[in-house]
């Protein structure tokens, strides 16, 4: 029977657990945190992108449930950890640089000027409200993605992809 999952040829025909194990042997050190305050459908898209960059862990802070449809089953190949509170999440982040991607604060500096360190966790908020003040205050660094059109920002799913790529470009390539 043909394997119709959206997998590269190397993983075709493998059980989900085998794919997870093979990816686990070569994960990047990058971690992603998504603050789920609105049951945002973009979380699924961010999870799918995190799989593409083979991130170490995806943290979901707040509501446990999210729209998995956008993940296209890639959540089966990633370690996803739920944290009920911001403080619970922060306990898991010892010795990691927390970089918030947020354009709605004076602290934000351009992403293009960021020099990433290996043990980085990128933090994303909801599409409508961004990252909560509680979590933003704890971030070591805040960055925004420059916009050249009429809108002040890109969709959070797109922002996540841009920020993950920039980290991978600097640390892995």
N, C-alpha and C. Protein backbone atom coordinates (compact mmCIF):
# COMPACT_ATOMS: atom_id res chain seq x y z
N UNK A 1 0.84 -1.19 0.00
CA UNK A 1 0.00 0.00 0.00
C UNK A 1 0.89 1.25 0.00
N UNK A 2 0.53 2.21 -0.80
CA UNK A 2 1.30 3.45 -0.93
C UNK A 2 1.14 4.31 0.31
N UNK A 3 2.26 4.86 0.78
CA UNK A 3 2.27 5.77 1.92
C UNK A 3 1.96 7.17 1.41
N UNK A 4 0.79 7.69 1.74
CA UNK A 4 0.35 9.00 1.22
C UNK A 4 0.62 10.14 2.19
N UNK A 5 1.28 9.86 3.31
CA UNK A 5 1.57 10.93 4.27
C UNK A 5 2.54 11.93 3.66
N UNK A 6 2.49 13.16 4.12
CA UNK A 6 3.36 14.23 3.63
C UNK A 6 4.73 14.09 4.30
N UNK A 7 5.47 13.08 3.84
CA UNK A 7 6.81 12.80 4.39
C UNK A 7 7.82 12.79 3.26
N UNK A 8 9.06 13.16 3.59
CA UNK A 8 10.12 13.01 2.60
C UNK A 8 10.37 11.51 2.42
N UNK A 9 10.95 11.13 1.30
CA UNK A 9 11.12 9.72 0.94
C UNK A 9 11.82 8.91 2.02
N UNK A 10 12.76 9.51 2.72
CA UNK A 10 13.52 8.82 3.77
C UNK A 10 12.62 8.18 4.84
N UNK A 11 11.46 8.77 5.07
CA UNK A 11 10.58 8.31 6.14
C UNK A 11 9.34 7.56 5.64
N UNK A 12 9.17 7.47 4.34
CA UNK A 12 8.02 6.75 3.78
C UNK A 12 8.07 5.30 4.23
N UNK A 13 6.91 4.78 4.58
CA UNK A 13 6.81 3.38 4.97
C UNK A 13 7.12 3.12 6.44
N UNK A 14 7.61 4.10 7.15
CA UNK A 14 7.92 3.93 8.57
C UNK A 14 6.67 4.21 9.41
N UNK A 15 6.57 3.55 10.55
CA UNK A 15 5.53 3.86 11.52
C UNK A 15 5.79 5.25 12.10
N UNK A 16 4.75 5.91 12.59
CA UNK A 16 4.90 7.25 13.16
C UNK A 16 5.97 7.30 14.24
N UNK A 17 6.00 6.29 15.11
CA UNK A 17 6.98 6.25 16.19
C UNK A 17 8.41 6.14 15.65
N UNK A 18 8.57 5.43 14.54
CA UNK A 18 9.89 5.32 13.92
C UNK A 18 10.33 6.64 13.32
N UNK A 19 9.40 7.35 12.70
CA UNK A 19 9.71 8.68 12.15
C UNK A 19 10.13 9.60 13.29
N UNK A 20 9.35 9.61 14.37
CA UNK A 20 9.67 10.43 15.54
C UNK A 20 11.08 10.10 16.04
N UNK A 21 11.39 8.82 16.19
CA UNK A 21 12.71 8.40 16.68
C UNK A 21 13.85 8.81 15.76
N UNK A 22 13.64 8.68 14.46
CA UNK A 22 14.68 9.07 13.50
C UNK A 22 14.93 10.58 13.56
N UNK A 23 13.85 11.35 13.65
CA UNK A 23 13.99 12.80 13.75
C UNK A 23 14.63 13.21 15.07
N UNK A 24 14.29 12.48 16.13
CA UNK A 24 14.80 12.80 17.46
C UNK A 24 16.33 12.72 17.51
N UNK A 25 16.92 11.90 16.70
CA UNK A 25 18.38 11.74 16.69
C UNK A 25 19.09 12.95 16.09
N UNK A 26 18.35 13.79 15.40
CA UNK A 26 19.00 14.94 14.74
C UNK A 26 18.23 16.25 14.92
N UNK A 27 17.54 16.37 16.04
CA UNK A 27 16.78 17.60 16.31
C UNK A 27 17.72 18.80 16.43
N UNK A 28 17.19 19.96 16.06
CA UNK A 28 17.92 21.20 16.29
C UNK A 28 17.70 21.60 17.76
N UNK A 29 18.56 22.44 18.32
CA UNK A 29 18.37 22.87 19.71
C UNK A 29 17.24 23.89 19.90
N UNK A 30 16.67 24.38 18.82
CA UNK A 30 15.63 25.39 18.89
C UNK A 30 14.36 24.84 19.54
N UNK A 31 13.76 25.64 20.42
CA UNK A 31 12.45 25.34 20.99
C UNK A 31 11.50 26.47 20.64
N UNK A 32 10.23 26.13 20.54
CA UNK A 32 9.20 27.09 20.19
C UNK A 32 8.18 27.12 21.31
N UNK A 33 7.70 28.30 21.66
CA UNK A 33 6.62 28.44 22.64
C UNK A 33 5.50 29.24 22.00
N UNK A 34 4.28 28.75 22.18
CA UNK A 34 3.11 29.41 21.64
C UNK A 34 2.15 29.65 22.79
N UNK A 35 1.82 30.90 23.00
CA UNK A 35 0.87 31.22 24.06
C UNK A 35 -0.54 31.11 23.47
N UNK A 36 -1.30 30.13 23.94
CA UNK A 36 -2.62 29.82 23.39
C UNK A 36 -3.70 30.41 24.27
N UNK A 37 -3.96 31.68 24.07
CA UNK A 37 -4.98 32.33 24.88
C UNK A 37 -6.33 32.41 24.18
N UNK A 38 -6.35 32.18 22.88
CA UNK A 38 -7.59 32.35 22.10
C UNK A 38 -7.97 31.14 21.29
N UNK A 39 -7.38 29.99 21.51
CA UNK A 39 -7.63 28.81 20.68
C UNK A 39 -7.34 29.17 19.21
N UNK A 40 -6.22 29.78 18.98
CA UNK A 40 -5.83 30.31 17.68
C UNK A 40 -5.56 29.19 16.68
N UNK A 41 -6.17 29.25 15.51
CA UNK A 41 -5.96 28.22 14.50
C UNK A 41 -4.54 28.24 13.95
N UNK A 42 -3.82 29.33 14.14
CA UNK A 42 -2.45 29.43 13.63
C UNK A 42 -1.49 28.47 14.33
N UNK A 43 -1.85 27.97 15.49
CA UNK A 43 -0.96 27.07 16.22
C UNK A 43 -0.64 25.84 15.37
N UNK A 44 -1.63 25.30 14.70
CA UNK A 44 -1.39 24.14 13.85
C UNK A 44 -0.36 24.44 12.77
N UNK A 45 -0.45 25.60 12.19
CA UNK A 45 0.50 26.02 11.16
C UNK A 45 1.91 26.15 11.74
N UNK A 46 2.00 26.71 12.95
CA UNK A 46 3.31 26.87 13.60
C UNK A 46 3.90 25.50 13.92
N UNK A 47 3.07 24.59 14.39
CA UNK A 47 3.55 23.23 14.67
C UNK A 47 4.08 22.58 13.40
N UNK A 48 3.38 22.73 12.30
CA UNK A 48 3.84 22.15 11.02
C UNK A 48 5.19 22.74 10.62
N UNK A 49 5.35 24.04 10.77
CA UNK A 49 6.61 24.68 10.44
C UNK A 49 7.72 24.23 11.39
N UNK A 50 7.40 24.06 12.67
CA UNK A 50 8.38 23.57 13.65
C UNK A 50 8.86 22.18 13.26
N UNK A 51 7.97 21.35 12.74
CA UNK A 51 8.38 20.04 12.25
C UNK A 51 9.34 20.18 11.08
N UNK A 52 9.04 21.10 10.19
CA UNK A 52 9.90 21.30 9.02
C UNK A 52 11.32 21.68 9.41
N UNK A 53 11.47 22.45 10.49
CA UNK A 53 12.78 22.83 10.98
C UNK A 53 13.29 21.89 12.07
N UNK A 54 12.54 20.82 12.33
CA UNK A 54 12.93 19.78 13.28
C UNK A 54 13.32 20.33 14.65
N UNK A 55 12.48 21.20 15.18
CA UNK A 55 12.76 21.80 16.49
C UNK A 55 12.71 20.74 17.59
N UNK A 56 13.38 21.05 18.65
CA UNK A 56 13.51 20.12 19.78
C UNK A 56 12.17 19.91 20.50
N UNK A 57 11.49 21.01 20.85
CA UNK A 57 10.24 20.94 21.60
C UNK A 57 9.34 22.10 21.17
N UNK A 58 8.04 21.83 21.11
CA UNK A 58 7.05 22.88 20.97
C UNK A 58 6.30 22.96 22.30
N UNK A 59 6.31 24.13 22.90
CA UNK A 59 5.61 24.37 24.16
C UNK A 59 4.31 25.11 23.84
N UNK A 60 3.22 24.64 24.40
CA UNK A 60 1.95 25.35 24.28
C UNK A 60 1.57 25.80 25.68
N UNK A 61 1.44 27.11 25.82
CA UNK A 61 1.16 27.72 27.12
C UNK A 61 -0.29 28.18 27.15
N UNK A 62 -1.03 27.74 28.16
CA UNK A 62 -2.44 28.15 28.28
C UNK A 62 -3.35 27.00 27.91
N UNK A 63 -4.31 27.27 27.05
CA UNK A 63 -5.28 26.25 26.65
C UNK A 63 -4.57 25.09 25.96
N UNK A 64 -4.91 23.89 26.36
CA UNK A 64 -4.25 22.71 25.81
C UNK A 64 -4.72 22.41 24.39
N UNK A 65 -5.99 22.61 24.15
CA UNK A 65 -6.54 22.27 22.84
C UNK A 65 -6.19 23.36 21.81
N UNK A 66 -5.88 22.90 20.62
CA UNK A 66 -5.67 23.81 19.50
C UNK A 66 -6.14 23.11 18.24
N UNK A 67 -6.30 23.84 17.18
CA UNK A 67 -6.77 23.29 15.92
C UNK A 67 -5.63 22.53 15.26
N UNK A 68 -5.66 21.22 15.36
CA UNK A 68 -4.59 20.38 14.82
C UNK A 68 -4.64 20.22 13.30
N UNK A 69 -5.71 20.64 12.71
CA UNK A 69 -5.85 20.48 11.26
C UNK A 69 -4.68 21.13 10.50
N UNK A 70 -4.30 22.33 10.94
CA UNK A 70 -3.20 23.03 10.28
C UNK A 70 -1.86 22.35 10.43
N UNK A 71 -1.72 21.49 11.44
CA UNK A 71 -0.47 20.77 11.66
C UNK A 71 -0.28 19.65 10.65
N UNK A 72 -1.35 19.25 9.98
CA UNK A 72 -1.29 18.19 8.96
C UNK A 72 -0.60 16.93 9.47
N UNK A 73 -0.91 16.54 10.69
CA UNK A 73 -0.40 15.33 11.36
C UNK A 73 1.08 15.40 11.73
N UNK A 74 1.72 16.54 11.52
CA UNK A 74 3.15 16.64 11.87
C UNK A 74 3.36 16.65 13.38
N UNK A 75 2.29 16.90 14.14
CA UNK A 75 2.42 16.87 15.60
C UNK A 75 2.76 15.48 16.11
N UNK A 76 2.62 14.47 15.27
CA UNK A 76 2.99 13.10 15.64
C UNK A 76 4.50 12.89 15.66
N UNK A 77 5.23 13.79 15.05
CA UNK A 77 6.68 13.64 14.92
C UNK A 77 7.46 14.63 15.76
N UNK A 78 6.77 15.35 16.64
CA UNK A 78 7.38 16.39 17.49
C UNK A 78 7.04 16.13 18.94
N UNK A 79 7.90 16.62 19.82
CA UNK A 79 7.58 16.62 21.24
C UNK A 79 6.82 17.90 21.52
N UNK A 80 5.57 17.76 21.93
CA UNK A 80 4.73 18.90 22.28
C UNK A 80 4.43 18.82 23.76
N UNK A 81 4.75 19.90 24.47
CA UNK A 81 4.57 19.95 25.92
C UNK A 81 3.58 21.05 26.24
N UNK A 82 2.60 20.72 27.06
CA UNK A 82 1.61 21.71 27.49
C UNK A 82 1.98 22.26 28.86
N UNK A 83 1.86 23.57 29.01
CA UNK A 83 2.07 24.26 30.28
C UNK A 83 0.81 25.06 30.58
N UNK A 84 0.19 24.80 31.70
CA UNK A 84 -1.04 25.49 32.05
C UNK A 84 -0.82 26.97 32.32
N UNK A 85 0.37 27.31 32.81
CA UNK A 85 0.65 28.71 33.18
C UNK A 85 2.00 29.16 32.63
N UNK A 86 2.18 30.46 32.59
CA UNK A 86 3.46 31.03 32.17
C UNK A 86 4.56 30.59 33.13
N UNK A 87 4.29 30.60 34.43
CA UNK A 87 5.33 30.21 35.40
C UNK A 87 5.75 28.75 35.22
N UNK A 88 4.81 27.89 34.89
CA UNK A 88 5.13 26.48 34.60
C UNK A 88 6.07 26.40 33.40
N UNK A 89 5.76 27.16 32.35
CA UNK A 89 6.63 27.19 31.17
C UNK A 89 8.03 27.70 31.52
N UNK A 90 8.09 28.79 32.27
CA UNK A 90 9.38 29.39 32.61
C UNK A 90 10.26 28.43 33.40
N UNK A 91 9.67 27.59 34.22
CA UNK A 91 10.44 26.58 34.97
C UNK A 91 11.19 25.64 34.03
N UNK A 92 10.65 25.41 32.85
CA UNK A 92 11.27 24.49 31.88
C UNK A 92 12.35 25.17 31.05
N UNK A 93 12.57 26.45 31.26
CA UNK A 93 13.42 27.22 30.37
C UNK A 93 14.73 27.70 30.99
N UNK A 94 15.21 27.03 31.99
CA UNK A 94 16.48 27.40 32.62
C UNK A 94 17.61 27.37 31.59
N UNK A 95 18.44 28.38 31.60
CA UNK A 95 19.62 28.47 30.72
C UNK A 95 19.28 28.55 29.23
N UNK A 96 18.10 29.05 28.91
CA UNK A 96 17.73 29.25 27.52
C UNK A 96 17.44 30.74 27.32
N UNK A 97 17.77 31.26 26.15
CA UNK A 97 17.41 32.64 25.84
C UNK A 97 15.99 32.65 25.28
N UNK A 98 15.15 33.44 25.90
CA UNK A 98 13.76 33.57 25.47
C UNK A 98 13.63 34.78 24.56
N UNK A 99 13.28 34.53 23.31
CA UNK A 99 13.16 35.60 22.32
C UNK A 99 11.71 35.69 21.87
N UNK A 100 11.06 36.76 22.25
CA UNK A 100 9.67 36.98 21.87
C UNK A 100 9.62 37.65 20.50
N UNK A 101 8.75 37.16 19.66
CA UNK A 101 8.51 37.80 18.37
C UNK A 101 7.20 38.57 18.52
N UNK A 102 7.33 39.88 18.64
CA UNK A 102 6.20 40.73 18.99
C UNK A 102 6.45 42.13 18.45
N UNK A 103 5.49 42.68 17.75
CA UNK A 103 5.69 44.02 17.18
C UNK A 103 4.97 45.11 17.96
N UNK A 104 4.26 44.74 19.00
CA UNK A 104 3.41 45.71 19.69
C UNK A 104 4.02 46.15 21.03
N UNK A 105 5.31 46.44 21.01
CA UNK A 105 5.97 46.90 22.23
C UNK A 105 7.18 47.75 21.87
N UNK A 106 7.49 48.69 22.71
CA UNK A 106 8.65 49.56 22.48
C UNK A 106 9.97 48.81 22.62
N UNK A 107 9.96 47.67 23.32
CA UNK A 107 11.18 46.88 23.50
C UNK A 107 11.65 46.21 22.22
N UNK A 108 10.77 46.06 21.26
CA UNK A 108 11.07 45.27 20.07
C UNK A 108 12.13 45.93 19.19
N UNK A 109 13.08 45.11 18.78
CA UNK A 109 14.13 45.51 17.84
C UNK A 109 13.99 44.67 16.58
N UNK A 110 14.58 45.10 15.46
CA UNK A 110 14.43 44.35 14.22
C UNK A 110 15.04 42.93 14.31
N UNK A 111 14.30 41.95 13.78
CA UNK A 111 14.80 40.58 13.75
C UNK A 111 16.09 40.49 12.95
N UNK A 112 16.22 41.27 11.90
CA UNK A 112 17.41 41.19 11.04
C UNK A 112 18.71 41.49 11.80
N UNK A 113 18.61 42.16 12.94
CA UNK A 113 19.80 42.50 13.73
C UNK A 113 20.09 41.49 14.85
N UNK A 114 19.25 40.48 14.99
CA UNK A 114 19.40 39.49 16.07
C UNK A 114 20.54 38.52 15.78
N UNK A 115 21.38 38.32 16.79
CA UNK A 115 22.42 37.28 16.73
C UNK A 115 21.98 36.19 17.70
N UNK A 116 21.50 35.09 17.16
CA UNK A 116 20.95 34.02 17.99
C UNK A 116 22.04 33.23 18.70
N UNK A 117 21.70 32.71 19.86
CA UNK A 117 22.53 31.74 20.56
C UNK A 117 21.88 30.37 20.36
N UNK A 118 22.65 29.31 20.53
CA UNK A 118 22.15 27.97 20.25
C UNK A 118 20.91 27.60 21.07
N UNK A 119 20.96 27.84 22.38
CA UNK A 119 19.84 27.47 23.25
C UNK A 119 18.80 28.58 23.32
N UNK A 120 18.06 28.71 22.24
CA UNK A 120 17.04 29.74 22.10
C UNK A 120 15.65 29.11 22.09
N UNK A 121 14.71 29.81 22.71
CA UNK A 121 13.29 29.49 22.58
C UNK A 121 12.61 30.71 21.99
N UNK A 122 11.98 30.52 20.85
CA UNK A 122 11.21 31.59 20.22
C UNK A 122 9.79 31.55 20.76
N UNK A 123 9.26 32.71 21.12
CA UNK A 123 7.92 32.79 21.72
C UNK A 123 7.00 33.56 20.78
N UNK A 124 5.81 32.98 20.58
CA UNK A 124 4.79 33.59 19.73
C UNK A 124 3.48 33.68 20.50
N UNK A 125 2.72 34.73 20.23
CA UNK A 125 1.43 34.92 20.88
C UNK A 125 0.30 34.68 19.92
N UNK A 126 -0.87 35.06 20.33
CA UNK A 126 -2.05 34.87 19.48
C UNK A 126 -2.07 35.93 18.38
N UNK A 127 -2.80 35.62 17.34
CA UNK A 127 -2.90 36.52 16.20
C UNK A 127 -3.47 37.88 16.59
N UNK A 128 -4.49 37.91 17.42
CA UNK A 128 -5.15 39.18 17.74
C UNK A 128 -4.49 39.96 18.85
N UNK A 129 -4.05 39.29 19.90
CA UNK A 129 -3.57 39.99 21.09
C UNK A 129 -2.07 39.88 21.35
N UNK A 130 -1.38 39.10 20.57
CA UNK A 130 0.06 38.97 20.76
C UNK A 130 0.40 38.20 22.02
N UNK A 131 1.57 38.46 22.56
CA UNK A 131 2.07 37.79 23.76
C UNK A 131 1.58 38.57 24.98
N UNK A 132 1.17 37.86 26.01
CA UNK A 132 0.69 38.54 27.22
C UNK A 132 1.82 39.32 27.88
N UNK A 133 1.45 40.36 28.60
CA UNK A 133 2.43 41.19 29.30
C UNK A 133 3.24 40.35 30.28
N UNK A 134 2.60 39.39 30.93
CA UNK A 134 3.30 38.52 31.90
C UNK A 134 4.46 37.78 31.25
N UNK A 135 4.24 37.21 30.07
CA UNK A 135 5.30 36.46 29.39
C UNK A 135 6.29 37.40 28.72
N UNK A 136 5.81 38.47 28.12
CA UNK A 136 6.68 39.42 27.44
C UNK A 136 7.71 40.01 28.41
N UNK A 137 7.30 40.26 29.62
CA UNK A 137 8.19 40.80 30.66
C UNK A 137 9.36 39.85 30.95
N UNK A 138 9.14 38.56 30.82
CA UNK A 138 10.16 37.57 31.14
C UNK A 138 11.09 37.25 29.96
N UNK A 139 10.75 37.74 28.78
CA UNK A 139 11.59 37.49 27.60
C UNK A 139 12.93 38.21 27.74
N UNK A 140 13.99 37.54 27.34
CA UNK A 140 15.31 38.16 27.35
C UNK A 140 15.47 39.18 26.23
N UNK A 141 14.75 38.95 25.15
CA UNK A 141 14.88 39.79 23.97
C UNK A 141 13.52 39.80 23.26
N UNK A 142 13.21 40.92 22.62
CA UNK A 142 11.97 41.05 21.86
C UNK A 142 12.34 41.56 20.47
N UNK A 143 11.81 40.89 19.46
CA UNK A 143 12.12 41.24 18.07
C UNK A 143 10.85 41.37 17.24
N UNK A 144 10.92 42.21 16.23
CA UNK A 144 9.81 42.33 15.28
C UNK A 144 10.34 42.07 13.89
N UNK A 145 9.44 41.68 13.01
CA UNK A 145 9.78 41.43 11.61
C UNK A 145 9.36 42.67 10.82
N UNK A 146 10.31 43.23 10.13
CA UNK A 146 10.08 44.45 9.37
C UNK A 146 8.98 44.23 8.33
N UNK A 147 8.14 45.23 8.15
CA UNK A 147 7.06 45.17 7.18
C UNK A 147 7.26 46.29 6.17
N UNK A 148 6.94 46.00 4.92
CA UNK A 148 7.20 46.97 3.86
C UNK A 148 5.93 47.38 3.12
N UNK A 149 4.79 46.85 3.55
CA UNK A 149 3.52 47.19 2.91
C UNK A 149 2.69 48.06 3.83
N UNK A 150 1.39 47.95 3.69
CA UNK A 150 0.49 48.81 4.47
C UNK A 150 0.13 48.23 5.83
N UNK A 151 0.33 46.94 6.04
CA UNK A 151 0.01 46.37 7.35
C UNK A 151 1.24 46.43 8.25
N UNK A 152 0.97 46.47 9.55
CA UNK A 152 2.10 46.60 10.50
C UNK A 152 2.76 45.27 10.83
N UNK A 153 2.13 44.16 10.38
CA UNK A 153 2.72 42.86 10.71
C UNK A 153 2.25 41.79 9.75
N UNK A 154 2.98 40.67 9.75
CA UNK A 154 2.57 39.49 9.00
C UNK A 154 1.78 38.58 9.94
N UNK A 155 1.05 37.65 9.39
CA UNK A 155 0.33 36.64 10.16
C UNK A 155 1.30 35.92 11.09
N UNK A 156 0.86 35.53 12.30
CA UNK A 156 1.74 34.92 13.29
C UNK A 156 2.34 33.60 12.77
N UNK A 157 1.59 32.86 11.97
CA UNK A 157 2.14 31.63 11.39
C UNK A 157 3.30 31.93 10.45
N UNK A 158 3.15 32.97 9.66
CA UNK A 158 4.22 33.40 8.75
C UNK A 158 5.40 33.92 9.56
N UNK A 159 5.12 34.72 10.59
CA UNK A 159 6.19 35.27 11.44
C UNK A 159 7.00 34.13 12.07
N UNK A 160 6.32 33.09 12.50
CA UNK A 160 7.01 31.95 13.10
C UNK A 160 7.95 31.30 12.10
N UNK A 161 7.50 31.14 10.87
CA UNK A 161 8.35 30.55 9.85
C UNK A 161 9.57 31.40 9.55
N UNK A 162 9.38 32.70 9.46
CA UNK A 162 10.50 33.61 9.20
C UNK A 162 11.51 33.55 10.34
N UNK A 163 11.03 33.61 11.58
CA UNK A 163 11.93 33.62 12.74
C UNK A 163 12.66 32.28 12.88
N UNK A 164 11.96 31.17 12.66
CA UNK A 164 12.62 29.85 12.73
C UNK A 164 13.70 29.74 11.66
N UNK A 165 13.38 30.19 10.46
CA UNK A 165 14.37 30.13 9.39
C UNK A 165 15.61 30.96 9.74
N UNK A 166 15.42 32.15 10.27
CA UNK A 166 16.56 33.01 10.62
C UNK A 166 17.43 32.34 11.67
N UNK A 167 16.81 31.70 12.67
CA UNK A 167 17.59 30.96 13.67
C UNK A 167 18.38 29.83 12.99
N UNK A 168 17.71 29.04 12.17
CA UNK A 168 18.36 27.90 11.48
C UNK A 168 19.49 28.42 10.58
N UNK A 169 19.24 29.50 9.89
CA UNK A 169 20.26 30.07 9.00
C UNK A 169 21.53 30.42 9.78
N UNK A 170 21.35 31.00 10.96
CA UNK A 170 22.51 31.42 11.75
C UNK A 170 23.18 30.27 12.49
N UNK A 171 22.42 29.37 13.05
CA UNK A 171 22.98 28.37 13.96
C UNK A 171 23.30 27.04 13.26
N UNK A 172 22.47 26.63 12.31
CA UNK A 172 22.64 25.30 11.71
C UNK A 172 23.40 25.34 10.39
N UNK A 173 23.11 26.33 9.53
CA UNK A 173 23.78 26.37 8.21
C UNK A 173 25.22 26.73 8.33
